[in-house]
Amino acid sequence: MTNQPQQNPPSVPPIDLPESLEPVYSNVTRISHTPAEMVLDFSRLLPADTRFKVLSRIIMSPVGAKLLHRALGENIARYETNFGEIRMPGDSHLADDLFKGIHPPKPPETQ
């Protein structure tokens, strides 16, 4: 039996956020790909806008994109555990949204 030294997991280097870094709000993402890379174009469309303008482009390897997919899934699950299910537009009817907490009174009990 050989004694192998325990290997510590690789440490994650600290993240450096430059002071000049500006957050970008995006409500539209276009995703395209080649065999070697995934391209994510983040845009924003507001009511007065007539065109999409790409605000940021992220290029990832397919493995990196799949790791991002996994991380997003885990974080969305945590978010929904803490704050409730994220409801997607079109998942319900307006009447359901307006009256979901309203129930008809129970009929009187007969003896």
Protein backbone atom coordinates (compact mmCIF):
# COMPACT_ATOMS: atom_id res chain seq x y z
CA MET A 1 0.00 0.00 0.00
CA THR A 2 1.49 3.30 -1.03
CA ASN A 3 0.96 6.47 0.89
CA GLN A 4 0.08 9.21 -1.50
CA PRO A 5 0.18 12.75 -0.19
CA GLN A 6 -3.23 14.38 0.06
CA GLN A 7 -3.80 16.87 -2.67
CA ASN A 8 -5.50 20.09 -1.75
CA PRO A 9 -8.10 21.32 -4.22
CA PRO A 10 -6.76 24.10 -6.40
CA SER A 11 -7.49 27.46 -4.86
CA VAL A 12 -9.58 29.97 -6.73
CA PRO A 13 -7.67 33.19 -7.37
CA PRO A 14 -9.32 36.36 -6.07
CA ILE A 15 -11.50 38.32 -8.46
CA ASP A 16 -10.33 41.79 -9.36
CA LEU A 17 -13.20 44.18 -10.16
CA PRO A 18 -11.77 47.35 -11.68
CA GLU A 19 -13.28 50.58 -10.38
CA SER A 20 -14.07 51.60 -13.97
CA LEU A 21 -16.17 48.48 -14.57
CA GLU A 22 -19.73 49.49 -15.47
CA PRO A 23 -22.62 47.06 -15.06
CA VAL A 24 -24.72 46.45 -18.16
CA TYR A 25 -28.47 45.73 -18.07
CA SER A 26 -29.52 43.26 -20.73
CA ASN A 27 -32.99 41.87 -21.41
CA VAL A 28 -32.15 40.20 -24.74
CA THR A 29 -29.40 37.69 -25.47
CA ARG A 30 -28.56 36.28 -28.87
CA ILE A 31 -26.54 33.07 -28.83
CA SER A 32 -24.64 31.68 -31.78
CA HIS A 33 -21.89 29.11 -32.06
CA THR A 34 -19.21 27.51 -34.14
CA PRO A 35 -17.71 24.08 -33.50
CA ALA A 36 -15.07 25.74 -31.28
CA GLU A 37 -16.89 28.54 -29.47
CA MET A 38 -20.16 29.90 -28.12
CA VAL A 39 -20.90 33.59 -28.70
CA LEU A 40 -23.31 35.43 -26.39
CA ASP A 41 -24.39 38.91 -27.50
CA PHE A 42 -26.12 40.86 -24.73
CA SER A 43 -28.54 43.60 -25.82
CA ARG A 44 -31.22 45.76 -24.33
CA LEU A 45 -34.56 46.72 -25.87
CA LEU A 46 -36.57 49.41 -24.13
CA PRO A 47 -40.03 50.70 -25.17
CA ALA A 48 -38.72 53.66 -27.19
CA ASP A 49 -35.96 51.67 -28.92
CA THR A 50 -36.35 50.53 -32.52
CA ARG A 51 -33.13 48.51 -32.80
CA PHE A 52 -31.10 46.15 -30.69
CA LYS A 53 -27.61 47.38 -29.88
CA VAL A 54 -25.11 44.77 -28.73
CA LEU A 55 -23.76 46.07 -25.42
CA SER A 56 -21.42 43.22 -24.61
CA ARG A 57 -20.14 40.13 -26.39
CA ILE A 58 -18.87 37.11 -24.47
CA ILE A 59 -17.07 34.32 -26.31
CA MET A 60 -16.69 31.02 -24.47
CA SER A 61 -15.52 27.51 -25.19
CA PRO A 62 -18.32 24.92 -25.34
CA VAL A 63 -17.06 23.47 -22.03
CA GLY A 64 -17.10 26.93 -20.43
CA ALA A 65 -20.63 27.51 -21.74
CA LYS A 66 -21.79 24.18 -20.30
CA LEU A 67 -20.22 25.04 -16.93
CA LEU A 68 -22.04 28.41 -17.07
CA HIS A 69 -25.28 26.55 -17.85
CA ARG A 70 -24.76 24.33 -14.81
CA ALA A 71 -23.90 27.28 -12.55
CA LEU A 72 -26.95 29.24 -13.74
CA GLY A 73 -29.20 26.24 -13.09
CA GLU A 74 -27.84 25.84 -9.56
CA ASN A 75 -28.19 29.55 -8.81
CA ILE A 76 -31.72 29.77 -10.23
CA ALA A 77 -32.71 26.82 -8.03
CA ARG A 78 -31.28 28.61 -4.97
CA TYR A 79 -33.03 31.84 -5.96
CA GLU A 80 -36.39 30.08 -6.32
CA THR A 81 -35.90 28.34 -2.96
CA ASN A 82 -35.41 31.73 -1.31
CA PHE A 83 -37.83 33.91 -3.28
CA GLY A 84 -40.32 31.61 -4.99
CA GLU A 85 -40.72 30.28 -8.50
CA ILE A 86 -39.74 32.55 -11.37
CA ARG A 87 -42.85 32.77 -13.51
CA MET A 88 -42.28 33.04 -17.23
CA PRO A 89 -44.45 35.33 -19.37
CA GLY A 90 -47.18 33.33 -21.05
CA ASP A 91 -47.22 30.59 -18.39
CA SER A 92 -50.61 31.72 -17.08
CA HIS A 93 -53.67 33.73 -18.02
CA LEU A 94 -54.31 37.26 -16.79
CA ALA A 95 -57.35 36.10 -14.80
CA ASP A 96 -55.16 33.56 -13.00
CA ASP A 97 -52.70 36.30 -12.05
CA LEU A 98 -55.45 38.69 -10.91
CA PHE A 99 -57.65 36.25 -9.02
CA LYS A 100 -55.37 33.41 -7.90
CA GLY A 101 -55.84 34.28 -4.20
CA ILE A 102 -59.61 34.59 -4.46
CA HIS A 103 -61.67 31.46 -3.86
CA PRO A 104 -65.45 31.09 -3.84
CA PRO A 105 -67.00 30.67 -0.44
CA LYS A 106 -67.56 27.13 0.76
CA PRO A 107 -71.17 25.97 0.52
CA PRO A 108 -72.97 25.60 3.85
CA GLU A 109 -72.73 22.19 5.41
CA THR A 110 -75.92 20.12 5.29
CA GLN A 111 -76.96 17.93 8.18
